[in-house]
Each structure stands twice: as structure tokens, then as C-alpha cells.
């Protein structure tokens, strides 16, 4: 009787039973933490018990200069990451896609994806050695060959952010290349053949066929790049510690949440900061939707 009222057949019931572990996992590890984090954000909470605080945690964070400094650092690093990573990975994907021999194409895909397999911690340690601030560092040794002075890549606030972005670009290049390749290979070859008949050169085809056809993929990459920029934590924590050194130049929003959650054990402020970050990401995502939406 219950199945008939719910308009479910026996096959549907079996299907939902197979989905039940996944549904319970989503409810337990995704939905419940989201609701609980919002509840904790309304309390002065130490992880065990809390005292009602209302919106005072949100008010404190919005008037905290440290939060705005972390937001500025996160925003600047995000712009640099998108500005360097997306065009570079798109160009590399276009070059790989132009390779005619399948074996060579697979080889280059594997080569570019290899850095993505390494953990963020391992990549950060390697780049700390690569960007060692004295002449012993590999990067500074190369500069010395050209008669240039060594740079404090990760010890000087002027260069720390761009150094981290270069590391992130190398680490995530393979994943981005694969996403671009999936979009490039979905473009109909008829468009290129028609363009060749009309006398279009390879560069013109890339500018007037490839790039416009990749608009949905560009939107996806920009949205995911924006979200990942606001989630930046592992590399800046390994390189700069909880204070985002040197000089706080690597102090991001995730470090701000981490410091309140696991250094001062003020989980109320950490949860409130997380929700503010969520709202910021939501606003940027909506702006991206508006910018990329199809127009008549």
C-alpha cells in the first residue's frame, strides 16, 4: 500500500536502496556540517559548549582588519592564478590537441598530468628548495648565470605571492589541460574544414572558432578557479605557516579560519568566517553566471 501511494515499483525501491548509502553519506558529511556550522556561528563556542552570541561573530569579522587583509591577499593571488594558469593551460591544451599521432598525444597528456598526482605538501616542499632565497637555490642559480642578483622568492613579501602562484600553476596544469582538451575535442571538425575552404589560417581558426566554441568550458574553468582561489590553504600553510609569512603576504582566508578554529579554539568566529567566505564565493559565482550567460 505504501509503495502504491508513493507511486514506487519494486525496481524503484531496489534502486533507492542502492542509493541509500550515498544519500546517508551526503546527509551526514555534507548537509549536517553545513547546518551545524551555521548554528555554531551564532555562539561563542569552544568546540564543547557555547554561549549565545547572535550576529556578534559576524560583526566582529566584518570589522576585523586582519580579515580584510586576508581577503585582499586571497583576491590578489586568485587574480594572478586565473590570469596565468587559465591562458597557459589553454594554449598547452591547444598544442596537444593539434598533435596528429595518438601515441604522442597520450604521452604529452601523461607528462603534463604527472605534477597533479603529487600532493600539495610535497610540491610545496620541492618549491621551497627550488626557490631557496640564496645562491644555492636552483632558481637563483639560473639568475646568477645571467648576471642577476638572487631574489627572495619565498622570503620577500614582494615575490612570495607570485612564487606560490607559479607553483600552483605547475601543480594544477595537467588537470586544467585535460578539461580544456575535453572541450577542444568536442568541437566539430566541419567548422575547421569550412574555415580552411574559406582561406582561414590556423591562428584565425583558433581565434574565431576554437575560443568562441569553448565558452562553456571557459565558464567552468573560471568558476572552479575562483572557488579554488578562495580555498587556498595547503601550500601557504606549509610555506608561510599559520601567519602567512613572509610579512603576512601569504595570509589567506582559509588561514584566517584555521587560526580561529584550531589556534584560539573560537569555533564561533571560525564558522562565521566560513559562512562569509561562502557568501563571497556565491556572489562571484553569480557574477560569472551573469557574465557568461547566453545572449540572443
C-alpha atoms as a PDB file:
ATOM      1  CA  UNK A   1       0.000   0.000   0.000  1.00  0.00           C
ATOM      2  CA  UNK A   2       2.764   2.438   0.909  1.00  0.00           C
ATOM      3  CA  UNK A   3       4.602   1.748  -2.361  1.00  0.00           C
ATOM      4  CA  UNK A   4       1.430   2.351  -4.345  1.00  0.00           C
ATOM      5  CA  UNK A   5       0.771   5.649  -2.566  1.00  0.00           C
ATOM      6  CA  UNK A   6       4.338   6.758  -3.280  1.00  0.00           C
ATOM      7  CA  UNK A   7       3.977   5.537  -6.863  1.00  0.00           C
ATOM      8  CA  UNK A   8       7.057   3.308  -6.487  1.00  0.00           C
ATOM      9  CA  UNK A   9       7.605  -0.060  -8.129  1.00  0.00           C
ATOM     10  CA  UNK A  10       9.772  -2.818  -6.693  1.00  0.00           C
ATOM     11  CA  UNK A  11      12.543  -1.883  -9.153  1.00  0.00           C
ATOM     12  CA  UNK A  12      12.490   1.715  -7.924  1.00  0.00           C
ATOM     13  CA  UNK A  13      12.733   0.552  -4.319  1.00  0.00           C
ATOM     14  CA  UNK A  14      15.791  -1.549  -5.122  1.00  0.00           C
ATOM     15  CA  UNK A  15      17.379   1.424  -6.878  1.00  0.00           C
ATOM     16  CA  UNK A  16      16.800   3.714  -3.897  1.00  0.00           C
ATOM     17  CA  UNK A  17      18.214   1.063  -1.562  1.00  0.00           C
ATOM     18  CA  UNK A  18      21.443   1.058  -3.590  1.00  0.00           C
ATOM     19  CA  UNK A  19      21.484   4.875  -3.396  1.00  0.00           C
ATOM     20  CA  UNK A  20      20.795   4.896   0.340  1.00  0.00           C
ATOM     21  CA  UNK A  21      24.472   4.695   1.467  1.00  0.00           C
ATOM     22  CA  UNK A  22      25.353   7.651  -0.771  1.00  0.00           C
ATOM     23  CA  UNK A  23      22.328   9.659   0.417  1.00  0.00           C
ATOM     24  CA  UNK A  24      23.196   8.950   4.058  1.00  0.00           C
ATOM     25  CA  UNK A  25      26.801   9.950   3.380  1.00  0.00           C
ATOM     26  CA  UNK A  26      25.750  13.265   1.837  1.00  0.00           C
ATOM     27  CA  UNK A  27      23.345  13.986   4.707  1.00  0.00           C
ATOM     28  CA  UNK A  28      25.915  13.043   7.358  1.00  0.00           C
ATOM     29  CA  UNK A  29      29.084  14.561   5.946  1.00  0.00           C
ATOM     30  CA  UNK A  30      27.740  17.486   3.881  1.00  0.00           C
ATOM     31  CA  UNK A  31      24.286  18.715   4.848  1.00  0.00           C
ATOM     32  CA  UNK A  32      24.591  18.253   8.612  1.00  0.00           C
ATOM     33  CA  UNK A  33      28.007  20.026   8.890  1.00  0.00           C
ATOM     34  CA  UNK A  34      26.620  22.969   6.864  1.00  0.00           C
ATOM     35  CA  UNK A  35      23.644  23.364   9.202  1.00  0.00           C
ATOM     36  CA  UNK A  36      25.739  22.792  12.329  1.00  0.00           C
ATOM     37  CA  UNK A  37      28.374  25.324  11.210  1.00  0.00           C
ATOM     38  CA  UNK A  38      25.681  27.973  10.845  1.00  0.00           C
ATOM     39  CA  UNK A  39      24.356  27.160  14.319  1.00  0.00           C
ATOM     40  CA  UNK A  40      27.847  27.378  15.847  1.00  0.00           C
ATOM     41  CA  UNK A  41      28.441  30.711  14.091  1.00  0.00           C
ATOM     42  CA  UNK A  42      25.696  32.189  16.306  1.00  0.00           C
ATOM     43  CA  UNK A  43      27.521  31.186  19.511  1.00  0.00           C
ATOM     44  CA  UNK A  44      30.758  31.908  21.331  1.00  0.00           C
ATOM     45  CA  UNK A  45      31.753  28.283  21.000  1.00  0.00           C
ATOM     46  CA  UNK A  46      34.885  26.429  22.140  1.00  0.00           C
ATOM     47  CA  UNK A  47      34.034  23.140  20.472  1.00  0.00           C
ATOM     48  CA  UNK A  48      32.304  21.669  23.519  1.00  0.00           C
ATOM     49  CA  UNK A  49      29.778  24.226  24.665  1.00  0.00           C
ATOM     50  CA  UNK A  50      28.747  27.662  23.558  1.00  0.00           C
ATOM     51  CA  UNK A  51      27.103  30.872  24.720  1.00  0.00           C
ATOM     52  CA  UNK A  52      24.567  32.609  22.519  1.00  0.00           C
ATOM     53  CA  UNK A  53      26.184  35.434  20.579  1.00  0.00           C
ATOM     54  CA  UNK A  54      23.673  36.251  17.852  1.00  0.00           C
ATOM     55  CA  UNK A  55      25.345  38.063  14.970  1.00  0.00           C
ATOM     56  CA  UNK A  56      28.245  39.403  17.042  1.00  0.00           C
ATOM     57  CA  UNK A  57      30.709  36.956  15.462  1.00  0.00           C
ATOM     58  CA  UNK A  58      29.778  38.223  12.007  1.00  0.00           C
ATOM     59  CA  UNK A  59      30.045  41.814  13.189  1.00  0.00           C
ATOM     60  CA  UNK A  60      33.495  41.178  14.667  1.00  0.00           C
ATOM     61  CA  UNK A  61      34.825  39.587  11.467  1.00  0.00           C
ATOM     62  CA  UNK A  62      33.448  42.295   9.182  1.00  0.00           C
ATOM     63  CA  UNK A  63      35.206  44.923  11.335  1.00  0.00           C
ATOM     64  CA  UNK A  64      38.435  42.930  11.698  1.00  0.00           C
ATOM     65  CA  UNK A  65      41.298  44.415   9.668  1.00  0.00           C
ATOM     66  CA  UNK A  66      43.033  41.011   9.629  1.00  0.00           C
ATOM     67  CA  UNK A  67      40.071  39.517   7.777  1.00  0.00           C
ATOM     68  CA  UNK A  68      40.186  42.226   5.124  1.00  0.00           C
ATOM     69  CA  UNK A  69      43.933  41.755   4.737  1.00  0.00           C
ATOM     70  CA  UNK A  70      43.377  38.028   4.237  1.00  0.00           C
ATOM     71  CA  UNK A  71      40.631  38.787   1.709  1.00  0.00           C
ATOM     72  CA  UNK A  72      42.920  41.151  -0.194  1.00  0.00           C
ATOM     73  CA  UNK A  73      45.725  38.566  -0.309  1.00  0.00           C
ATOM     74  CA  UNK A  74      43.314  35.847  -1.409  1.00  0.00           C
ATOM     75  CA  UNK A  75      41.802  38.079  -4.077  1.00  0.00           C
ATOM     76  CA  UNK A  76      45.175  39.167  -5.472  1.00  0.00           C
ATOM     77  CA  UNK A  77      46.510  35.609  -5.593  1.00  0.00           C
ATOM     78  CA  UNK A  78      43.275  34.469  -7.224  1.00  0.00           C
ATOM     79  CA  UNK A  79      43.570  37.078  -9.975  1.00  0.00           C
ATOM     80  CA  UNK A  80      47.192  36.117 -10.625  1.00  0.00           C
ATOM     81  CA  UNK A  81      46.320  32.415 -10.635  1.00  0.00           C
ATOM     82  CA  UNK A  82      43.488  32.831 -13.134  1.00  0.00           C
ATOM     83  CA  UNK A  83      45.472  35.291 -15.244  1.00  0.00           C
ATOM     84  CA  UNK A  84      48.452  32.950 -15.567  1.00  0.00           C
ATOM     85  CA  UNK A  85      47.006  29.462 -15.218  1.00  0.00           C
ATOM     86  CA  UNK A  86      43.972  29.576 -17.495  1.00  0.00           C
ATOM     87  CA  UNK A  87      45.603  31.083 -20.626  1.00  0.00           C
ATOM     88  CA  UNK A  88      48.724  28.943 -20.220  1.00  0.00           C
ATOM     89  CA  UNK A  89      46.795  25.686 -19.794  1.00  0.00           C
ATOM     90  CA  UNK A  90      44.515  26.579 -22.732  1.00  0.00           C
ATOM     91  CA  UNK A  91      47.489  27.221 -25.016  1.00  0.00           C
ATOM     92  CA  UNK A  92      49.150  23.959 -23.931  1.00  0.00           C
ATOM     93  CA  UNK A  93      45.886  22.049 -24.475  1.00  0.00           C
ATOM     94  CA  UNK A  94      45.527  23.582 -27.950  1.00  0.00           C
ATOM     95  CA  UNK A  95      49.065  22.487 -28.840  1.00  0.00           C
ATOM     96  CA  UNK A  96      48.479  18.957 -27.529  1.00  0.00           C
ATOM     97  CA  UNK A  97      45.162  18.778 -29.390  1.00  0.00           C
ATOM     98  CA  UNK A  98      46.920  19.680 -32.647  1.00  0.00           C
ATOM     99  CA  UNK A  99      49.198  16.634 -32.424  1.00  0.00           C
ATOM    100  CA  UNK A 100      48.147  14.169 -35.102  1.00  0.00           C
ATOM    101  CA  UNK A 101      49.802  10.984 -33.788  1.00  0.00           C
ATOM    102  CA  UNK A 102      47.652   9.456 -30.963  1.00  0.00           C
ATOM    103  CA  UNK A 103      50.675   7.965 -29.195  1.00  0.00           C
ATOM    104  CA  UNK A 104      52.440  11.311 -28.925  1.00  0.00           C
ATOM    105  CA  UNK A 105      49.247  12.984 -27.767  1.00  0.00           C
ATOM    106  CA  UNK A 106      48.825  10.447 -24.938  1.00  0.00           C
ATOM    107  CA  UNK A 107      52.479  10.880 -23.973  1.00  0.00           C
ATOM    108  CA  UNK A 108      52.136  14.649 -23.587  1.00  0.00           C
ATOM    109  CA  UNK A 109      48.876  14.229 -21.643  1.00  0.00           C
ATOM    110  CA  UNK A 110      50.664  11.945 -19.189  1.00  0.00           C
ATOM    111  CA  UNK A 111      53.653  14.290 -18.887  1.00  0.00           C
ATOM    112  CA  UNK A 112      51.513  17.331 -18.136  1.00  0.00           C
ATOM    113  CA  UNK A 113      49.282  15.441 -15.705  1.00  0.00           C
ATOM    114  CA  UNK A 114      52.136  13.961 -13.638  1.00  0.00           C
ATOM    115  CA  UNK A 115      52.577  17.036 -11.357  1.00  0.00           C
ATOM    116  CA  UNK A 116      48.874  16.873 -10.460  1.00  0.00           C
ATOM    117  CA  UNK A 117      49.412  13.420  -8.947  1.00  0.00           C
ATOM    118  CA  UNK A 118      51.822  14.783  -6.316  1.00  0.00           C
ATOM    119  CA  UNK A 119      50.375  16.088  -3.070  1.00  0.00           C
ATOM    120  CA  UNK A 120      50.242  19.800  -2.306  1.00  0.00           C
ATOM    121  CA  UNK A 121      52.574  19.268   0.663  1.00  0.00           C
ATOM    122  CA  UNK A 122      55.215  17.508  -1.433  1.00  0.00           C
ATOM    123  CA  UNK A 123      55.002  20.127  -4.185  1.00  0.00           C
ATOM    124  CA  UNK A 124      55.354  22.925  -1.623  1.00  0.00           C
ATOM    125  CA  UNK A 125      58.480  21.367  -0.113  1.00  0.00           C
ATOM    126  CA  UNK A 126      60.051  20.893  -3.551  1.00  0.00           C
ATOM    127  CA  UNK A 127      59.377  24.507  -4.500  1.00  0.00           C
ATOM    128  CA  UNK A 128      60.768  25.725  -1.177  1.00  0.00           C
ATOM    129  CA  UNK A 129      64.045  24.117  -2.253  1.00  0.00           C
ATOM    130  CA  UNK A 130      63.687  25.374  -5.814  1.00  0.00           C
ATOM    131  CA  UNK A 131      63.064  28.950  -4.627  1.00  0.00           C
ATOM    132  CA  UNK A 132      65.669  28.900  -1.846  1.00  0.00           C
ATOM    133  CA  UNK A 133      66.486  32.592  -1.233  1.00  0.00           C
ATOM    134  CA  UNK A 134      70.277  32.356  -1.598  1.00  0.00           C
ATOM    135  CA  UNK A 135      72.571  31.474  -4.497  1.00  0.00           C
ATOM    136  CA  UNK A 136      72.172  27.804  -3.551  1.00  0.00           C
ATOM    137  CA  UNK A 137      68.592  27.806  -4.797  1.00  0.00           C
ATOM    138  CA  UNK A 138      68.039  26.453  -8.313  1.00  0.00           C
ATOM    139  CA  UNK A 139      66.041  29.497  -9.443  1.00  0.00           C
ATOM    140  CA  UNK A 140      68.657  31.920  -8.126  1.00  0.00           C
ATOM    141  CA  UNK A 141      71.434  29.830  -9.677  1.00  0.00           C
ATOM    142  CA  UNK A 142      69.779  30.338 -13.055  1.00  0.00           C
ATOM    143  CA  UNK A 143      69.537  34.076 -12.392  1.00  0.00           C
ATOM    144  CA  UNK A 144      73.214  34.102 -11.487  1.00  0.00           C
ATOM    145  CA  UNK A 145      74.054  32.641 -14.909  1.00  0.00           C
ATOM    146  CA  UNK A 146      72.551  35.770 -16.480  1.00  0.00           C
ATOM    147  CA  UNK A 147      74.344  38.052 -14.013  1.00  0.00           C
ATOM    148  CA  UNK A 148      71.209  38.855 -11.978  1.00  0.00           C
ATOM    149  CA  UNK A 149      71.036  39.209  -8.214  1.00  0.00           C
ATOM    150  CA  UNK A 150      69.345  36.412  -6.227  1.00  0.00           C
ATOM    151  CA  UNK A 151      65.728  37.028  -5.259  1.00  0.00           C
ATOM    152  CA  UNK A 152      63.975  36.197  -2.014  1.00  0.00           C
ATOM    153  CA  UNK A 153      61.280  34.190  -3.773  1.00  0.00           C
ATOM    154  CA  UNK A 154      59.562  32.923  -0.633  1.00  0.00           C
ATOM    155  CA  UNK A 155      61.245  35.170   1.931  1.00  0.00           C
ATOM    156  CA  UNK A 156      60.381  38.572   0.434  1.00  0.00           C
ATOM    157  CA  UNK A 157      56.737  39.785   0.546  1.00  0.00           C
ATOM    158  CA  UNK A 158      57.203  41.339  -2.899  1.00  0.00           C
ATOM    159  CA  UNK A 159      57.783  37.950  -4.556  1.00  0.00           C
ATOM    160  CA  UNK A 160      56.100  35.425  -2.246  1.00  0.00           C
ATOM    161  CA  UNK A 161      52.639  35.553  -3.802  1.00  0.00           C
ATOM    162  CA  UNK A 162      53.776  35.197  -7.398  1.00  0.00           C
ATOM    163  CA  UNK A 163      56.103  32.365  -6.348  1.00  0.00           C
ATOM    164  CA  UNK A 164      53.182  30.450  -4.830  1.00  0.00           C
ATOM    165  CA  UNK A 165      51.104  31.098  -7.948  1.00  0.00           C
ATOM    166  CA  UNK A 166      53.879  29.723 -10.155  1.00  0.00           C
ATOM    167  CA  UNK A 167      53.926  26.602  -8.007  1.00  0.00           C
ATOM    168  CA  UNK A 168      50.132  26.244  -8.194  1.00  0.00           C
ATOM    169  CA  UNK A 169      50.208  26.747 -11.961  1.00  0.00           C
ATOM    170  CA  UNK A 170      52.751  23.941 -12.347  1.00  0.00           C
ATOM    171  CA  UNK A 171      50.869  21.686  -9.918  1.00  0.00           C
ATOM    172  CA  UNK A 172      47.434  22.125 -11.485  1.00  0.00           C
ATOM    173  CA  UNK A 173      48.419  22.481 -15.138  1.00  0.00           C
ATOM    174  CA  UNK A 174      47.706  18.844 -16.032  1.00  0.00           C
ATOM    175  CA  UNK A 175      44.165  18.868 -14.666  1.00  0.00           C
ATOM    176  CA  UNK A 176      43.351  22.103 -16.497  1.00  0.00           C
ATOM    177  CA  UNK A 177      44.846  20.767 -19.736  1.00  0.00           C
ATOM    178  CA  UNK A 178      42.626  17.667 -19.579  1.00  0.00           C
ATOM    179  CA  UNK A 179      39.489  19.782 -19.057  1.00  0.00           C
ATOM    180  CA  UNK A 180      40.426  22.041 -21.972  1.00  0.00           C
ATOM    181  CA  UNK A 181      41.163  19.005 -24.155  1.00  0.00           C
ATOM    182  CA  UNK A 182      37.732  17.544 -23.438  1.00  0.00           C
ATOM    183  CA  UNK A 183      36.183  20.769 -24.723  1.00  0.00           C
ATOM    184  CA  UNK A 184      38.509  21.086 -27.710  1.00  0.00           C
ATOM    185  CA  UNK A 185      37.805  17.556 -28.903  1.00  0.00           C
ATOM    186  CA  UNK A 186      34.048  18.184 -28.799  1.00  0.00           C
ATOM    187  CA  UNK A 187      34.267  20.919 -31.457  1.00  0.00           C
ATOM    188  CA  UNK A 188      33.042  19.683 -34.831  1.00  0.00           C
ATOM    189  CA  UNK A 189      35.774  19.272 -37.440  1.00  0.00           C
ATOM    190  CA  UNK A 190      33.313  20.531 -40.063  1.00  0.00           C
ATOM    191  CA  UNK A 191      33.791  24.067 -38.743  1.00  0.00           C
ATOM    192  CA  UNK A 192      37.542  23.927 -39.313  1.00  0.00           C
ATOM    193  CA  UNK A 193      37.162  22.344 -42.739  1.00  0.00           C
ATOM    194  CA  UNK A 194      34.719  25.056 -43.807  1.00  0.00           C
ATOM    195  CA  UNK A 195      37.122  27.702 -42.497  1.00  0.00           C
ATOM    196  CA  UNK A 196      40.013  26.175 -44.471  1.00  0.00           C
ATOM    197  CA  UNK A 197      37.902  26.267 -47.619  1.00  0.00           C
ATOM    198  CA  UNK A 198      37.295  29.971 -46.979  1.00  0.00           C
ATOM    199  CA  UNK A 199      41.044  30.512 -46.642  1.00  0.00           C
ATOM    200  CA  UNK A 200      41.262  30.963 -42.860  1.00  0.00           C
ATOM    201  CA  UNK A 201      44.705  30.427 -41.331  1.00  0.00           C
ATOM    202  CA  UNK A 202      45.333  28.268 -38.258  1.00  0.00           C
ATOM    203  CA  UNK A 203      45.541  31.301 -35.960  1.00  0.00           C
ATOM    204  CA  UNK A 204      42.286  32.697 -37.375  1.00  0.00           C
ATOM    205  CA  UNK A 205      40.579  29.344 -36.818  1.00  0.00           C
ATOM    206  CA  UNK A 206      41.816  29.308 -33.227  1.00  0.00           C
ATOM    207  CA  UNK A 207      40.603  32.872 -32.598  1.00  0.00           C
ATOM    208  CA  UNK A 208      37.237  32.716 -34.356  1.00  0.00           C
ATOM    209  CA  UNK A 209      36.225  29.060 -33.979  1.00  0.00           C
ATOM    210  CA  UNK A 210      38.065  27.465 -31.070  1.00  0.00           C
ATOM    211  CA  UNK A 211      37.789  30.212 -28.469  1.00  0.00           C
ATOM    212  CA  UNK A 212      34.066  31.042 -29.071  1.00  0.00           C
ATOM    213  CA  UNK A 213      33.193  27.315 -29.063  1.00  0.00           C
ATOM    214  CA  UNK A 214      34.942  26.912 -25.691  1.00  0.00           C
ATOM    215  CA  UNK A 215      32.701  29.415 -23.910  1.00  0.00           C
ATOM    216  CA  UNK A 216      31.023  26.802 -21.618  1.00  0.00           C
ATOM    217  CA  UNK A 217      34.412  25.330 -20.674  1.00  0.00           C
ATOM    218  CA  UNK A 218      35.838  28.806 -20.036  1.00  0.00           C
ATOM    219  CA  UNK A 219      32.903  29.484 -17.715  1.00  0.00           C
ATOM    220  CA  UNK A 220      33.521  26.222 -15.836  1.00  0.00           C
ATOM    221  CA  UNK A 221      37.237  26.901 -15.503  1.00  0.00           C
ATOM    222  CA  UNK A 222      36.701  30.456 -14.259  1.00  0.00           C
ATOM    223  CA  UNK A 223      34.111  29.339 -11.675  1.00  0.00           C
ATOM    224  CA  UNK A 224      36.242  26.451 -10.406  1.00  0.00           C
ATOM    225  CA  UNK A 225      39.364  28.610 -10.445  1.00  0.00           C
ATOM    226  CA  UNK A 226      37.577  31.242  -8.359  1.00  0.00           C
ATOM    227  CA  UNK A 227      36.378  28.668  -5.836  1.00  0.00           C
ATOM    228  CA  UNK A 228      39.833  27.070  -5.572  1.00  0.00           C
ATOM    229  CA  UNK A 229      41.398  30.510  -5.099  1.00  0.00           C
ATOM    230  CA  UNK A 230      39.241  31.129  -2.032  1.00  0.00           C
ATOM    231  CA  UNK A 231      40.035  27.614  -0.733  1.00  0.00           C
ATOM    232  CA  UNK A 232      43.832  28.110  -0.929  1.00  0.00           C
ATOM    233  CA  UNK A 233      45.349  26.671   2.227  1.00  0.00           C
ATOM    234  CA  UNK A 234      47.840  23.786   1.990  1.00  0.00           C
ATOM    235  CA  UNK A 235      50.674  25.469   0.109  1.00  0.00           C
ATOM    236  CA  UNK A 236      50.520  28.782   2.008  1.00  0.00           C
ATOM    237  CA  UNK A 237      50.392  26.927   5.326  1.00  0.00           C
ATOM    238  CA  UNK A 238      53.461  24.808   4.502  1.00  0.00           C
ATOM    239  CA  UNK A 239      55.434  27.760   3.118  1.00  0.00           C
ATOM    240  CA  UNK A 240      54.305  30.603   5.381  1.00  0.00           C
ATOM    241  CA  UNK A 241      52.930  28.896   8.477  1.00  0.00           C
ATOM    242  CA  UNK A 242      49.708  29.967  10.243  1.00  0.00           C
ATOM    243  CA  UNK A 243      50.675  33.661   9.940  1.00  0.00           C
ATOM    244  CA  UNK A 244      51.185  33.501   6.180  1.00  0.00           C
ATOM    245  CA  UNK A 245      54.773  34.751   6.256  1.00  0.00           C
ATOM    246  CA  UNK A 246      56.747  36.498   4.883  1.00  0.00           C
ATOM    247  CA  UNK A 247      55.182  39.628   6.286  1.00  0.00           C
ATOM    248  CA  UNK A 248      51.673  38.179   6.162  1.00  0.00           C
ATOM    249  CA  UNK A 249      51.715  38.261   2.343  1.00  0.00           C
ATOM    250  CA  UNK A 250      50.515  34.627   2.184  1.00  0.00           C
ATOM    251  CA  UNK A 251      47.850  35.013   4.855  1.00  0.00           C
ATOM    252  CA  UNK A 252      44.663  33.820   3.116  1.00  0.00           C
ATOM    253  CA  UNK A 253      41.042  33.451   4.182  1.00  0.00           C
ATOM    254  CA  UNK A 254      41.481  29.746   4.911  1.00  0.00           C
ATOM    255  CA  UNK A 255      44.397  30.538   7.219  1.00  0.00           C
ATOM    256  CA  UNK A 256      42.136  33.074   8.936  1.00  0.00           C
ATOM    257  CA  UNK A 257      39.513  30.370   9.554  1.00  0.00           C
ATOM    258  CA  UNK A 258      42.177  27.867  10.595  1.00  0.00           C
ATOM    259  CA  UNK A 259      43.744  30.248  13.109  1.00  0.00           C
ATOM    260  CA  UNK A 260      40.457  30.935  14.880  1.00  0.00           C
ATOM    261  CA  UNK A 261      39.332  27.315  14.734  1.00  0.00           C
ATOM    262  CA  UNK A 262      42.495  25.484  15.788  1.00  0.00           C
ATOM    263  CA  UNK A 263      44.707  28.086  17.471  1.00  0.00           C
ATOM    264  CA  UNK A 264      42.310  30.084  19.628  1.00  0.00           C
ATOM    265  CA  UNK A 265      39.541  27.431  19.556  1.00  0.00           C
ATOM    266  CA  UNK A 266      36.955  30.098  18.859  1.00  0.00           C
ATOM    267  CA  UNK A 267      34.820  27.939  16.623  1.00  0.00           C
ATOM    268  CA  UNK A 268      32.024  30.511  16.546  1.00  0.00           C
ATOM    269  CA  UNK A 269      34.197  33.059  14.737  1.00  0.00           C
ATOM    270  CA  UNK A 270      35.699  30.346  12.502  1.00  0.00           C
ATOM    271  CA  UNK A 271      32.221  29.184  11.460  1.00  0.00           C
ATOM    272  CA  UNK A 272      31.046  32.761  10.889  1.00  0.00           C
ATOM    273  CA  UNK A 273      34.108  33.470   8.734  1.00  0.00           C
ATOM    274  CA  UNK A 274      33.387  30.317   6.735  1.00  0.00           C
ATOM    275  CA  UNK A 275      29.856  31.492   6.005  1.00  0.00           C
ATOM    276  CA  UNK A 276      31.071  34.933   4.973  1.00  0.00           C
ATOM    277  CA  UNK A 277      33.539  33.269   2.599  1.00  0.00           C
ATOM    278  CA  UNK A 278      30.676  31.146   1.258  1.00  0.00           C
ATOM    279  CA  UNK A 279      28.650  34.293   0.540  1.00  0.00           C
ATOM    280  CA  UNK A 280      31.639  35.899  -1.216  1.00  0.00           C
ATOM    281  CA  UNK A 281      32.136  32.797  -3.393  1.00  0.00           C
ATOM    282  CA  UNK A 282      28.394  32.737  -4.159  1.00  0.00           C
ATOM    283  CA  UNK A 283      28.476  36.390  -5.255  1.00  0.00           C
ATOM    284  CA  UNK A 284      31.454  35.788  -7.552  1.00  0.00           C
ATOM    285  CA  UNK A 285      29.779  32.680  -8.995  1.00  0.00           C
ATOM    286  CA  UNK A 286      26.605  34.626  -9.744  1.00  0.00           C
ATOM    287  CA  UNK A 287      28.675  37.362 -11.372  1.00  0.00           C
ATOM    288  CA  UNK A 288      30.327  34.717 -13.540  1.00  0.00           C
ATOM    289  CA  UNK A 289      26.908  33.353 -14.498  1.00  0.00           C
ATOM    290  CA  UNK A 290      25.815  36.836 -15.469  1.00  0.00           C
ATOM    291  CA  UNK A 291      28.953  37.488 -17.497  1.00  0.00           C
ATOM    292  CA  UNK A 292      28.841  34.186 -19.379  1.00  0.00           C
ATOM    293  CA  UNK A 293      25.105  33.693 -19.847  1.00  0.00           C
ATOM    294  CA  UNK A 294      23.938  33.270 -23.407  1.00  0.00           C
ATOM    295  CA  UNK A 295      22.507  36.325 -25.076  1.00  0.00           C
ATOM    296  CA  UNK A 296      20.207  36.387 -28.098  1.00  0.00           C
END
